[in-house]
Amino acid sequence: DYVDSVKDRFTISRDNAKNTVYLQMNSL
């Protein structure tokens, strides 16, 4: 889920092996 203001610009993802969550932020 995303707040409306970042939809289509930000992407949340994760790497299970690294137990790490990412937030890719484009068009800042």
mmCIF file of all heavy atoms, coordinates in Angstrom:
data_MODEL
# 
_entry.id   MODEL 
# 
loop_
_atom_site.group_PDB 
_atom_site.id 
_atom_site.type_symbol 
_atom_site.label_atom_id 
_atom_site.label_alt_id 
_atom_site.label_comp_id 
_atom_site.label_asym_id 
_atom_site.label_entity_id 
_atom_site.label_seq_id 
_atom_site.pdbx_PDB_ins_code 
_atom_site.Cartn_x 
_atom_site.Cartn_y 
_atom_site.Cartn_z 
_atom_site.occupancy 
_atom_site.B_iso_or_equiv 
_atom_site.pdbx_formal_charge 
_atom_site.auth_seq_id 
_atom_site.auth_comp_id 
_atom_site.auth_asym_id 
_atom_site.auth_atom_id 
_atom_site.pdbx_PDB_model_num 
ATOM 1   N N   . ASP A 1 1  ? 0.857  -1.178  0.000   1.00 0.00 ? 1  ASP A N   1 
ATOM 2   C CA  . ASP A 1 1  ? 0.000  0.000   0.000   1.00 0.00 ? 1  ASP A CA  1 
ATOM 3   C C   . ASP A 1 1  ? 0.895  1.231   0.000   1.00 0.00 ? 1  ASP A C   1 
ATOM 4   O O   . ASP A 1 1  ? 2.025  1.175   0.505   1.00 0.00 ? 1  ASP A O   1 
ATOM 5   C CB  . ASP A 1 1  ? -0.929 0.002   1.213   1.00 0.00 ? 1  ASP A CB  1 
ATOM 6   C CG  . ASP A 1 1  ? -2.085 0.969   1.065   1.00 0.00 ? 1  ASP A CG  1 
ATOM 7   O OD1 . ASP A 1 1  ? -2.284 1.519   -0.040  1.00 0.00 ? 1  ASP A OD1 1 
ATOM 8   O OD2 . ASP A 1 1  ? -2.805 1.182   2.063   1.00 0.00 ? 1  ASP A OD2 1 
ATOM 9   N N   . TYR A 1 2  ? 0.388  2.312   -0.577  1.00 0.00 ? 2  TYR A N   1 
ATOM 10  C CA  . TYR A 1 2  ? 1.137  3.553   -0.678  1.00 0.00 ? 2  TYR A CA  1 
ATOM 11  C C   . TYR A 1 2  ? 0.220  4.738   -0.410  1.00 0.00 ? 2  TYR A C   1 
ATOM 12  O O   . TYR A 1 2  ? -0.981 4.698   -0.729  1.00 0.00 ? 2  TYR A O   1 
ATOM 13  C CB  . TYR A 1 2  ? 1.721  3.712   -2.091  1.00 0.00 ? 2  TYR A CB  1 
ATOM 14  C CG  . TYR A 1 2  ? 2.653  2.617   -2.525  1.00 0.00 ? 2  TYR A CG  1 
ATOM 15  C CD1 . TYR A 1 2  ? 2.175  1.464   -3.130  1.00 0.00 ? 2  TYR A CD1 1 
ATOM 16  C CD2 . TYR A 1 2  ? 4.025  2.723   -2.309  1.00 0.00 ? 2  TYR A CD2 1 
ATOM 17  C CE1 . TYR A 1 2  ? 3.027  0.447   -3.520  1.00 0.00 ? 2  TYR A CE1 1 
ATOM 18  C CE2 . TYR A 1 2  ? 4.892  1.709   -2.701  1.00 0.00 ? 2  TYR A CE2 1 
ATOM 19  C CZ  . TYR A 1 2  ? 4.374  0.575   -3.303  1.00 0.00 ? 2  TYR A CZ  1 
ATOM 20  O OH  . TYR A 1 2  ? 5.241  -0.427  -3.683  1.00 0.00 ? 2  TYR A OH  1 
ATOM 21  N N   . VAL A 1 3  ? 0.796  5.792   0.136   1.00 0.00 ? 3  VAL A N   1 
ATOM 22  C CA  . VAL A 1 3  ? 0.046  7.041   0.218   1.00 0.00 ? 3  VAL A CA  1 
ATOM 23  C C   . VAL A 1 3  ? -0.114 7.561   -1.204  1.00 0.00 ? 3  VAL A C   1 
ATOM 24  O O   . VAL A 1 3  ? 0.768  7.356   -2.069  1.00 0.00 ? 3  VAL A O   1 
ATOM 25  C CB  . VAL A 1 3  ? 0.768  8.046   1.144   1.00 0.00 ? 3  VAL A CB  1 
ATOM 26  C CG1 . VAL A 1 3  ? 2.089  8.506   0.543   1.00 0.00 ? 3  VAL A CG1 1 
ATOM 27  C CG2 . VAL A 1 3  ? -0.132 9.211   1.464   1.00 0.00 ? 3  VAL A CG2 1 
ATOM 28  N N   . ASP A 1 4  ? -1.210 8.214   -1.477  1.00 0.00 ? 4  ASP A N   1 
ATOM 29  C CA  . ASP A 1 4  ? -1.510 8.638   -2.851  1.00 0.00 ? 4  ASP A CA  1 
ATOM 30  C C   . ASP A 1 4  ? -0.406 9.482   -3.471  1.00 0.00 ? 4  ASP A C   1 
ATOM 31  O O   . ASP A 1 4  ? -0.125 9.373   -4.668  1.00 0.00 ? 4  ASP A O   1 
ATOM 32  C CB  . ASP A 1 4  ? -2.833 9.420   -2.884  1.00 0.00 ? 4  ASP A CB  1 
ATOM 33  C CG  . ASP A 1 4  ? -4.048 8.522   -2.724  1.00 0.00 ? 4  ASP A CG  1 
ATOM 34  O OD1 . ASP A 1 4  ? -3.905 7.289   -2.865  1.00 0.00 ? 4  ASP A OD1 1 
ATOM 35  O OD2 . ASP A 1 4  ? -5.137 9.063   -2.461  1.00 0.00 ? 4  ASP A OD2 1 
ATOM 36  N N   . SER A 1 5  ? 0.244  10.295  -2.664  1.00 0.00 ? 5  SER A N   1 
ATOM 37  C CA  . SER A 1 5  ? 1.217  11.247  -3.201  1.00 0.00 ? 5  SER A CA  1 
ATOM 38  C C   . SER A 1 5  ? 2.471  10.577  -3.749  1.00 0.00 ? 5  SER A C   1 
ATOM 39  O O   . SER A 1 5  ? 3.258  11.220  -4.450  1.00 0.00 ? 5  SER A O   1 
ATOM 40  C CB  . SER A 1 5  ? 1.604  12.268  -2.129  1.00 0.00 ? 5  SER A CB  1 
ATOM 41  O OG  . SER A 1 5  ? 2.168  11.622  -1.008  1.00 0.00 ? 5  SER A OG  1 
ATOM 42  N N   . VAL A 1 6  ? 2.680  9.296   -3.427  1.00 0.00 ? 6  VAL A N   1 
ATOM 43  C CA  . VAL A 1 6  ? 3.886  8.615   -3.910  1.00 0.00 ? 6  VAL A CA  1 
ATOM 44  C C   . VAL A 1 6  ? 3.585  7.468   -4.857  1.00 0.00 ? 6  VAL A C   1 
ATOM 45  O O   . VAL A 1 6  ? 4.513  6.836   -5.385  1.00 0.00 ? 6  VAL A O   1 
ATOM 46  C CB  . VAL A 1 6  ? 4.758  8.099   -2.745  1.00 0.00 ? 6  VAL A CB  1 
ATOM 47  C CG1 . VAL A 1 6  ? 5.023  9.209   -1.733  1.00 0.00 ? 6  VAL A CG1 1 
ATOM 48  C CG2 . VAL A 1 6  ? 4.150  6.879   -2.067  1.00 0.00 ? 6  VAL A CG2 1 
ATOM 49  N N   . LYS A 1 7  ? 2.305  7.186   -5.066  1.00 0.00 ? 7  LYS A N   1 
ATOM 50  C CA  . LYS A 1 7  ? 1.954  6.088   -5.973  1.00 0.00 ? 7  LYS A CA  1 
ATOM 51  C C   . LYS A 1 7  ? 2.538  6.357   -7.355  1.00 0.00 ? 7  LYS A C   1 
ATOM 52  O O   . LYS A 1 7  ? 2.521  7.482   -7.837  1.00 0.00 ? 7  LYS A O   1 
ATOM 53  C CB  . LYS A 1 7  ? 0.436  5.935   -6.048  1.00 0.00 ? 7  LYS A CB  1 
ATOM 54  C CG  . LYS A 1 7  ? -0.149 5.248   -4.834  1.00 0.00 ? 7  LYS A CG  1 
ATOM 55  C CD  . LYS A 1 7  ? -1.653 5.104   -4.931  1.00 0.00 ? 7  LYS A CD  1 
ATOM 56  C CE  . LYS A 1 7  ? -2.195 4.410   -3.693  1.00 0.00 ? 7  LYS A CE  1 
ATOM 57  N NZ  . LYS A 1 7  ? -3.670 4.330   -3.706  1.00 0.00 ? 7  LYS A NZ  1 
ATOM 58  N N   . ASP A 1 8  ? 3.022  5.331   -7.986  1.00 0.00 ? 8  ASP A N   1 
ATOM 59  C CA  . ASP A 1 8  ? 3.645  5.366   -9.318  1.00 0.00 ? 8  ASP A CA  1 
ATOM 60  C C   . ASP A 1 8  ? 5.039  5.986   -9.284  1.00 0.00 ? 8  ASP A C   1 
ATOM 61  O O   . ASP A 1 8  ? 5.688  6.073   -10.330 1.00 0.00 ? 8  ASP A O   1 
ATOM 62  C CB  . ASP A 1 8  ? 2.779  6.126   -10.333 1.00 0.00 ? 8  ASP A CB  1 
ATOM 63  C CG  . ASP A 1 8  ? 1.412  5.496   -10.520 1.00 0.00 ? 8  ASP A CG  1 
ATOM 64  O OD1 . ASP A 1 8  ? 1.333  4.250   -10.478 1.00 0.00 ? 8  ASP A OD1 1 
ATOM 65  O OD2 . ASP A 1 8  ? 0.433  6.238   -10.689 1.00 0.00 ? 8  ASP A OD2 1 
ATOM 66  N N   . ARG A 1 9  ? 5.522  6.411   -8.113  1.00 0.00 ? 9  ARG A N   1 
ATOM 67  C CA  . ARG A 1 9  ? 6.885  6.938   -7.996  1.00 0.00 ? 9  ARG A CA  1 
ATOM 68  C C   . ARG A 1 9  ? 7.733  6.104   -7.045  1.00 0.00 ? 9  ARG A C   1 
ATOM 69  O O   . ARG A 1 9  ? 8.932  5.946   -7.266  1.00 0.00 ? 9  ARG A O   1 
ATOM 70  C CB  . ARG A 1 9  ? 6.869  8.391   -7.512  1.00 0.00 ? 9  ARG A CB  1 
ATOM 71  C CG  . ARG A 1 9  ? 6.150  9.346   -8.439  1.00 0.00 ? 9  ARG A CG  1 
ATOM 72  C CD  . ARG A 1 9  ? 6.372  10.797  -8.014  1.00 0.00 ? 9  ARG A CD  1 
ATOM 73  N NE  . ARG A 1 9  ? 5.852  11.089  -6.689  1.00 0.00 ? 9  ARG A NE  1 
ATOM 74  C CZ  . ARG A 1 9  ? 6.584  11.563  -5.680  1.00 0.00 ? 9  ARG A CZ  1 
ATOM 75  N NH1 . ARG A 1 9  ? 7.872  11.810  -5.852  1.00 0.00 ? 9  ARG A NH1 1 
ATOM 76  N NH2 . ARG A 1 9  ? 6.024  11.822  -4.519  1.00 0.00 ? 9  ARG A NH2 1 
ATOM 77  N N   . PHE A 1 10 ? 7.127  5.600   -5.977  1.00 0.00 ? 10 PHE A N   1 
ATOM 78  C CA  . PHE A 1 10 ? 7.855  4.834   -4.965  1.00 0.00 ? 10 PHE A CA  1 
ATOM 79  C C   . PHE A 1 10 ? 7.453  3.368   -5.052  1.00 0.00 ? 10 PHE A C   1 
ATOM 80  O O   . PHE A 1 10 ? 6.303  3.041   -5.368  1.00 0.00 ? 10 PHE A O   1 
ATOM 81  C CB  . PHE A 1 10 ? 7.530  5.341   -3.560  1.00 0.00 ? 10 PHE A CB  1 
ATOM 82  C CG  . PHE A 1 10 ? 8.067  6.699   -3.216  1.00 0.00 ? 10 PHE A CG  1 
ATOM 83  C CD1 . PHE A 1 10 ? 8.609  7.538   -4.172  1.00 0.00 ? 10 PHE A CD1 1 
ATOM 84  C CD2 . PHE A 1 10 ? 8.021  7.146   -1.902  1.00 0.00 ? 10 PHE A CD2 1 
ATOM 85  C CE1 . PHE A 1 10 ? 9.100  8.785   -3.846  1.00 0.00 ? 10 PHE A CE1 1 
ATOM 86  C CE2 . PHE A 1 10 ? 8.505  8.402   -1.551  1.00 0.00 ? 10 PHE A CE2 1 
ATOM 87  C CZ  . PHE A 1 10 ? 9.033  9.223   -2.524  1.00 0.00 ? 10 PHE A CZ  1 
ATOM 88  N N   . THR A 1 11 ? 8.389  2.492   -4.728  1.00 0.00 ? 11 THR A N   1 
ATOM 89  C CA  . THR A 1 11 ? 8.121  1.061   -4.709  1.00 0.00 ? 11 THR A CA  1 
ATOM 90  C C   . THR A 1 11 ? 8.759  0.434   -3.482  1.00 0.00 ? 11 THR A C   1 
ATOM 91  O O   . THR A 1 11 ? 9.956  0.612   -3.242  1.00 0.00 ? 11 THR A O   1 
ATOM 92  C CB  . THR A 1 11 ? 8.677  0.369   -5.959  1.00 0.00 ? 11 THR A CB  1 
ATOM 93  O OG1 . THR A 1 11 ? 8.120  0.967   -7.138  1.00 0.00 ? 11 THR A OG1 1 
ATOM 94  C CG2 . THR A 1 11 ? 8.309  -1.113  -5.966  1.00 0.00 ? 11 THR A CG2 1 
ATOM 95  N N   . ILE A 1 12 ? 7.972  -0.292  -2.714  1.00 0.00 ? 12 ILE A N   1 
ATOM 96  C CA  . ILE A 1 12 ? 8.489  -1.020  -1.564  1.00 0.00 ? 12 ILE A CA  1 
ATOM 97  C C   . ILE A 1 12 ? 8.739  -2.467  -1.980  1.00 0.00 ? 12 ILE A C   1 
ATOM 98  O O   . ILE A 1 12 ? 7.960  -3.056  -2.732  1.00 0.00 ? 12 ILE A O   1 
ATOM 99  C CB  . ILE A 1 12 ? 7.518  -0.934  -0.366  1.00 0.00 ? 12 ILE A CB  1 
ATOM 100 C CG1 . ILE A 1 12 ? 8.155  -1.544  0.893   1.00 0.00 ? 12 ILE A CG1 1 
ATOM 101 C CG2 . ILE A 1 12 ? 6.179  -1.584  -0.680  1.00 0.00 ? 12 ILE A CG2 1 
ATOM 102 C CD1 . ILE A 1 12 ? 7.349  -1.287  2.172   1.00 0.00 ? 12 ILE A CD1 1 
ATOM 103 N N   . SER A 1 13 ? 9.841  -3.018  -1.500  1.00 0.00 ? 13 SER A N   1 
ATOM 104 C CA  . SER A 1 13 ? 10.175 -4.399  -1.826  1.00 0.00 ? 13 SER A CA  1 
ATOM 105 C C   . SER A 1 13 ? 11.010 -4.962  -0.685  1.00 0.00 ? 13 SER A C   1 
ATOM 106 O O   . SER A 1 13 ? 11.368 -4.246  0.257   1.00 0.00 ? 13 SER A O   1 
ATOM 107 C CB  . SER A 1 13 ? 10.946 -4.476  -3.143  1.00 0.00 ? 13 SER A CB  1 
ATOM 108 O OG  . SER A 1 13 ? 12.174 -3.790  -3.040  1.00 0.00 ? 13 SER A OG  1 
ATOM 109 N N   . ARG A 1 14 ? 11.340 -6.256  -0.785  1.00 0.00 ? 14 ARG A N   1 
ATOM 110 C CA  . ARG A 1 14 ? 12.154 -6.838  0.271   1.00 0.00 ? 14 ARG A CA  1 
ATOM 111 C C   . ARG A 1 14 ? 13.041 -7.939  -0.299  1.00 0.00 ? 14 ARG A C   1 
ATOM 112 O O   . ARG A 1 14 ? 12.769 -8.512  -1.338  1.00 0.00 ? 14 ARG A O   1 
ATOM 113 C CB  . ARG A 1 14 ? 11.273 -7.390  1.383   1.00 0.00 ? 14 ARG A CB  1 
ATOM 114 C CG  . ARG A 1 14 ? 10.565 -8.691  1.034   1.00 0.00 ? 14 ARG A CG  1 
ATOM 115 C CD  . ARG A 1 14 ? 9.855  -9.202  2.261   1.00 0.00 ? 14 ARG A CD  1 
ATOM 116 N NE  . ARG A 1 14 ? 9.493  -10.585 2.134   1.00 0.00 ? 14 ARG A NE  1 
ATOM 117 C CZ  . ARG A 1 14 ? 8.236  -11.011 2.113   1.00 0.00 ? 14 ARG A CZ  1 
ATOM 118 N NH1 . ARG A 1 14 ? 7.245  -10.139 2.183   1.00 0.00 ? 14 ARG A NH1 1 
ATOM 119 N NH2 . ARG A 1 14 ? 7.973  -12.301 2.037   1.00 0.00 ? 14 ARG A NH2 1 
ATOM 120 N N   . ASP A 1 15 ? 14.082 -8.218  0.454   1.00 0.00 ? 15 ASP A N   1 
ATOM 121 C CA  . ASP A 1 15 ? 14.993 -9.320  0.162   1.00 0.00 ? 15 ASP A CA  1 
ATOM 122 C C   . ASP A 1 15 ? 14.943 -10.254 1.356   1.00 0.00 ? 15 ASP A C   1 
ATOM 123 O O   . ASP A 1 15 ? 15.457 -9.923  2.433   1.00 0.00 ? 15 ASP A O   1 
ATOM 124 C CB  . ASP A 1 15 ? 16.407 -8.769  -0.065  1.00 0.00 ? 15 ASP A CB  1 
ATOM 125 C CG  . ASP A 1 15 ? 17.388 -9.855  -0.456  1.00 0.00 ? 15 ASP A CG  1 
ATOM 126 O OD1 . ASP A 1 15 ? 17.261 -11.002 0.012   1.00 0.00 ? 15 ASP A OD1 1 
ATOM 127 O OD2 . ASP A 1 15 ? 18.317 -9.542  -1.232  1.00 0.00 ? 15 ASP A OD2 1 
ATOM 128 N N   . ASN A 1 16 ? 14.302 -11.407 1.166   1.00 0.00 ? 16 ASN A N   1 
ATOM 129 C CA  . ASN A 1 16 ? 14.130 -12.341 2.294   1.00 0.00 ? 16 ASN A CA  1 
ATOM 130 C C   . ASN A 1 16 ? 15.477 -12.800 2.858   1.00 0.00 ? 16 ASN A C   1 
ATOM 131 O O   . ASN A 1 16 ? 15.654 -12.916 4.074   1.00 0.00 ? 16 ASN A O   1 
ATOM 132 C CB  . ASN A 1 16 ? 13.318 -13.549 1.842   1.00 0.00 ? 16 ASN A CB  1 
ATOM 133 C CG  . ASN A 1 16 ? 11.869 -13.200 1.619   1.00 0.00 ? 16 ASN A CG  1 
ATOM 134 O OD1 . ASN A 1 16 ? 11.391 -12.171 2.095   1.00 0.00 ? 16 ASN A OD1 1 
ATOM 135 N ND2 . ASN A 1 16 ? 11.174 -14.040 0.881   1.00 0.00 ? 16 ASN A ND2 1 
ATOM 136 N N   . ALA A 1 17 ? 16.409 -13.079 1.967   1.00 0.00 ? 17 ALA A N   1 
ATOM 137 C CA  . ALA A 1 17 ? 17.697 -13.612 2.411   1.00 0.00 ? 17 ALA A CA  1 
ATOM 138 C C   . ALA A 1 17 ? 18.445 -12.611 3.291   1.00 0.00 ? 17 ALA A C   1 
ATOM 139 O O   . ALA A 1 17 ? 19.172 -12.996 4.204   1.00 0.00 ? 17 ALA A O   1 
ATOM 140 C CB  . ALA A 1 17 ? 18.537 -13.994 1.200   1.00 0.00 ? 17 ALA A CB  1 
ATOM 141 N N   . LYS A 1 18 ? 18.258 -11.337 3.003   1.00 0.00 ? 18 LYS A N   1 
ATOM 142 C CA  . LYS A 1 18 ? 18.964 -10.296 3.759   1.00 0.00 ? 18 LYS A CA  1 
ATOM 143 C C   . LYS A 1 18 ? 18.103 -9.686  4.858   1.00 0.00 ? 18 LYS A C   1 
ATOM 144 O O   . LYS A 1 18 ? 18.582 -8.814  5.591   1.00 0.00 ? 18 LYS A O   1 
ATOM 145 C CB  . LYS A 1 18 ? 19.436 -9.195  2.806   1.00 0.00 ? 18 LYS A CB  1 
ATOM 146 C CG  . LYS A 1 18 ? 20.457 -9.657  1.780   1.00 0.00 ? 18 LYS A CG  1 
ATOM 147 C CD  . LYS A 1 18 ? 20.891 -8.500  0.893   1.00 0.00 ? 18 LYS A CD  1 
ATOM 148 C CE  . LYS A 1 18 ? 21.931 -8.939  -0.119  1.00 0.00 ? 18 LYS A CE  1 
ATOM 149 N NZ  . LYS A 1 18 ? 22.373 -7.824  -0.989  1.00 0.00 ? 18 LYS A NZ  1 
ATOM 150 N N   . ASN A 1 19 ? 16.846 -10.121 4.960   1.00 0.00 ? 19 ASN A N   1 
ATOM 151 C CA  . ASN A 1 19 ? 15.919 -9.528  5.943   1.00 0.00 ? 19 ASN A CA  1 
ATOM 152 C C   . ASN A 1 19 ? 15.919 -8.008  5.825   1.00 0.00 ? 19 ASN A C   1 
ATOM 153 O O   . ASN A 1 19 ? 15.968 -7.287  6.830   1.00 0.00 ? 19 ASN A O   1 
ATOM 154 C CB  . ASN A 1 19 ? 16.323 -9.938  7.366   1.00 0.00 ? 19 ASN A CB  1 
ATOM 155 C CG  . ASN A 1 19 ? 15.210 -10.690 8.075   1.00 0.00 ? 19 ASN A CG  1 
ATOM 156 O OD1 . ASN A 1 19 ? 14.335 -11.267 7.447   1.00 0.00 ? 19 ASN A OD1 1 
ATOM 157 N ND2 . ASN A 1 19 ? 15.248 -10.679 9.394   1.00 0.00 ? 19 ASN A ND2 1 
ATOM 158 N N   . THR A 1 20 ? 15.857 -7.544  4.604   1.00 0.00 ? 20 THR A N   1 
ATOM 159 C CA  . THR A 1 20 ? 15.957 -6.118  4.329   1.00 0.00 ? 20 THR A CA  1 
ATOM 160 C C   . THR A 1 20 ? 14.766 -5.671  3.497   1.00 0.00 ? 20 THR A C   1 
ATOM 161 O O   . THR A 1 20 ? 14.356 -6.368  2.570   1.00 0.00 ? 20 THR A O   1 
ATOM 162 C CB  . THR A 1 20 ? 17.270 -5.804  3.596   1.00 0.00 ? 20 THR A CB  1 
ATOM 163 O OG1 . THR A 1 20 ? 18.370 -6.154  4.437   1.00 0.00 ? 20 THR A OG1 1 
ATOM 164 C CG2 . THR A 1 20 ? 17.367 -4.326  3.238   1.00 0.00 ? 20 THR A CG2 1 
ATOM 165 N N   . VAL A 1 21 ? 14.232 -4.516  3.853   1.00 0.00 ? 21 VAL A N   1 
ATOM 166 C CA  . VAL A 1 21 ? 13.133 -3.899  3.112   1.00 0.00 ? 21 VAL A CA  1 
ATOM 167 C C   . VAL A 1 21 ? 13.673 -2.651  2.438   1.00 0.00 ? 21 VAL A C   1 
ATOM 168 O O   . VAL A 1 21 ? 14.470 -1.916  3.026   1.00 0.00 ? 21 VAL A O   1 
ATOM 169 C CB  . VAL A 1 21 ? 11.972 -3.540  4.058   1.00 0.00 ? 21 VAL A CB  1 
ATOM 170 C CG1 . VAL A 1 21 ? 10.852 -2.865  3.298   1.00 0.00 ? 21 VAL A CG1 1 
ATOM 171 C CG2 . VAL A 1 21 ? 11.467 -4.793  4.755   1.00 0.00 ? 21 VAL A CG2 1 
ATOM 172 N N   . TYR A 1 22 ? 13.241 -2.426  1.212   1.00 0.00 ? 22 TYR A N   1 
ATOM 173 C CA  . TYR A 1 22 ? 13.714 -1.296  0.431   1.00 0.00 ? 22 TYR A CA  1 
ATOM 174 C C   . TYR A 1 22 ? 12.574 -0.358  0.082   1.00 0.00 ? 22 TYR A C   1 
ATOM 175 O O   . TYR A 1 22 ? 11.408 -0.761  -0.001  1.00 0.00 ? 22 TYR A O   1 
ATOM 176 C CB  . TYR A 1 22 ? 14.358 -1.791  -0.877  1.00 0.00 ? 22 TYR A CB  1 
ATOM 177 C CG  . TYR A 1 22 ? 15.500 -2.744  -0.670  1.00 0.00 ? 22 TYR A CG  1 
ATOM 178 C CD1 . TYR A 1 22 ? 15.304 -4.122  -0.787  1.00 0.00 ? 22 TYR A CD1 1 
ATOM 179 C CD2 . TYR A 1 22 ? 16.771 -2.283  -0.346  1.00 0.00 ? 22 TYR A CD2 1 
ATOM 180 C CE1 . TYR A 1 22 ? 16.349 -5.014  -0.591  1.00 0.00 ? 22 TYR A CE1 1 
ATOM 181 C CE2 . TYR A 1 22 ? 17.816 -3.178  -0.155  1.00 0.00 ? 22 TYR A CE2 1 
ATOM 182 C CZ  . TYR A 1 22 ? 17.594 -4.532  -0.275  1.00 0.00 ? 22 TYR A CZ  1 
ATOM 183 O OH  . TYR A 1 22 ? 18.632 -5.400  -0.069  1.00 0.00 ? 22 TYR A OH  1 
ATOM 184 N N   . LEU A 1 23 ? 12.916 0.888   -0.130  1.00 0.00 ? 23 LEU A N   1 
ATOM 185 C CA  . LEU A 1 23 ? 11.977 1.855   -0.676  1.00 0.00 ? 23 LEU A CA  1 
ATOM 186 C C   . LEU A 1 23 ? 12.689 2.550   -1.833  1.00 0.00 ? 23 LEU A C   1 
ATOM 187 O O   . LEU A 1 23 ? 13.579 3.366   -1.612  1.00 0.00 ? 23 LEU A O   1 
ATOM 188 C CB  . LEU A 1 23 ? 11.532 2.871   0.373   1.00 0.00 ? 23 LEU A CB  1 
ATOM 189 C CG  . LEU A 1 23 ? 10.456 3.849   -0.104  1.00 0.00 ? 23 LEU A CG  1 
ATOM 190 C CD1 . LEU A 1 23 ? 9.143  3.111   -0.377  1.00 0.00 ? 23 LEU A CD1 1 
ATOM 191 C CD2 . LEU A 1 23 ? 10.224 4.952   0.923   1.00 0.00 ? 23 LEU A CD2 1 
ATOM 192 N N   . GLN A 1 24 ? 12.302 2.169   -3.040  1.00 0.00 ? 24 GLN A N   1 
ATOM 193 C CA  . GLN A 1 24 ? 12.843 2.811   -4.228  1.00 0.00 ? 24 GLN A CA  1 
ATOM 194 C C   . GLN A 1 24 ? 12.026 4.061   -4.508  1.00 0.00 ? 24 GLN A C   1 
ATOM 195 O O   . GLN A 1 24 ? 10.801 3.979   -4.681  1.00 0.00 ? 24 GLN A O   1 
ATOM 196 C CB  . GLN A 1 24 ? 12.782 1.863   -5.425  1.00 0.00 ? 24 GLN A CB  1 
ATOM 197 C CG  . GLN A 1 24 ? 13.284 2.465   -6.727  1.00 0.00 ? 24 GLN A CG  1 
ATOM 198 C CD  . GLN A 1 24 ? 14.757 2.784   -6.708  1.00 0.00 ? 24 GLN A CD  1 
ATOM 199 O OE1 . GLN A 1 24 ? 15.571 1.981   -6.241  1.00 0.00 ? 24 GLN A OE1 1 
ATOM 200 N NE2 . GLN A 1 24 ? 15.126 3.956   -7.208  1.00 0.00 ? 24 GLN A NE2 1 
ATOM 201 N N   . MET A 1 25 ? 12.698 5.195   -4.535  1.00 0.00 ? 25 MET A N   1 
ATOM 202 C CA  . MET A 1 25 ? 12.010 6.477   -4.714  1.00 0.00 ? 25 MET A CA  1 
ATOM 203 C C   . MET A 1 25 ? 12.495 7.114   -6.012  1.00 0.00 ? 25 MET A C   1 
ATOM 204 O O   . MET A 1 25 ? 13.678 7.448   -6.128  1.00 0.00 ? 25 MET A O   1 
ATOM 205 C CB  . MET A 1 25 ? 12.294 7.392   -3.523  1.00 0.00 ? 25 MET A CB  1 
ATOM 206 C CG  . MET A 1 25 ? 11.951 6.756   -2.188  1.00 0.00 ? 25 MET A CG  1 
ATOM 207 S SD  . MET A 1 25 ? 12.105 7.896   -0.790  1.00 0.00 ? 25 MET A SD  1 
ATOM 208 C CE  . MET A 1 25 ? 13.849 8.259   -0.839  1.00 0.00 ? 25 MET A CE  1 
ATOM 209 N N   . ASN A 1 26 ? 11.591 7.246   -6.962  1.00 0.00 ? 26 ASN A N   1 
ATOM 210 C CA  . ASN A 1 26 ? 11.903 7.860   -8.246  1.00 0.00 ? 26 ASN A CA  1 
ATOM 211 C C   . ASN A 1 26 ? 11.131 9.168   -8.415  1.00 0.00 ? 26 ASN A C   1 
ATOM 212 O O   . ASN A 1 26 ? 10.169 9.427   -7.694  1.00 0.00 ? 26 ASN A O   1 
ATOM 213 C CB  . ASN A 1 26 ? 11.536 6.901   -9.388  1.00 0.00 ? 26 ASN A CB  1 
ATOM 214 C CG  . ASN A 1 26 ? 12.306 5.607   -9.341  1.00 0.00 ? 26 ASN A CG  1 
ATOM 215 O OD1 . ASN A 1 26 ? 13.462 5.563   -8.902  1.00 0.00 ? 26 ASN A OD1 1 
ATOM 216 N ND2 . ASN A 1 26 ? 11.680 4.525   -9.789  1.00 0.00 ? 26 ASN A ND2 1 
ATOM 217 N N   . SER A 1 27 ? 11.571 9.963   -9.365  1.00 0.00 ? 27 SER A N   1 
ATOM 218 C CA  . SER A 1 27 ? 10.901 11.237  -9.661  1.00 0.00 ? 27 SER A CA  1 
ATOM 219 C C   . SER A 1 27 ? 10.670 12.041  -8.387  1.00 0.00 ? 27 SER A C   1 
ATOM 220 O O   . SER A 1 27 ? 9.568  12.544  -8.140  1.00 0.00 ? 27 SER A O   1 
ATOM 221 C CB  . SER A 1 27 ? 9.567  10.979  -10.379 1.00 0.00 ? 27 SER A CB  1 
ATOM 222 O OG  . SER A 1 27 ? 9.767  10.252  -11.563 1.00 0.00 ? 27 SER A OG  1 
ATOM 223 N N   . LEU A 1 28 ? 11.697 12.162  -7.595  1.00 0.00 ? 28 LEU A N   1 
ATOM 224 C CA  . LEU A 1 28 ? 11.569 12.833  -6.306  1.00 0.00 ? 28 LEU A CA  1 
ATOM 225 C C   . LEU A 1 28 ? 11.221 14.301  -6.469  1.00 0.00 ? 28 LEU A C   1 
ATOM 226 O O   . LEU A 1 28 ? 11.654 14.965  -7.429  1.00 0.00 ? 28 LEU A O   1 
ATOM 227 C CB  . LEU A 1 28 ? 12.858 12.671  -5.503  1.00 0.00 ? 28 LEU A CB  1 
ATOM 228 C CG  . LEU A 1 28 ? 13.006 11.293  -4.851  1.00 0.00 ? 28 LEU A CG  1 
ATOM 229 C CD1 . LEU A 1 28 ? 14.461 11.027  -4.475  1.00 0.00 ? 28 LEU A CD1 1 
ATOM 230 C CD2 . LEU A 1 28 ? 12.113 11.189  -3.626  1.00 0.00 ? 28 LEU A CD2 1 
# 
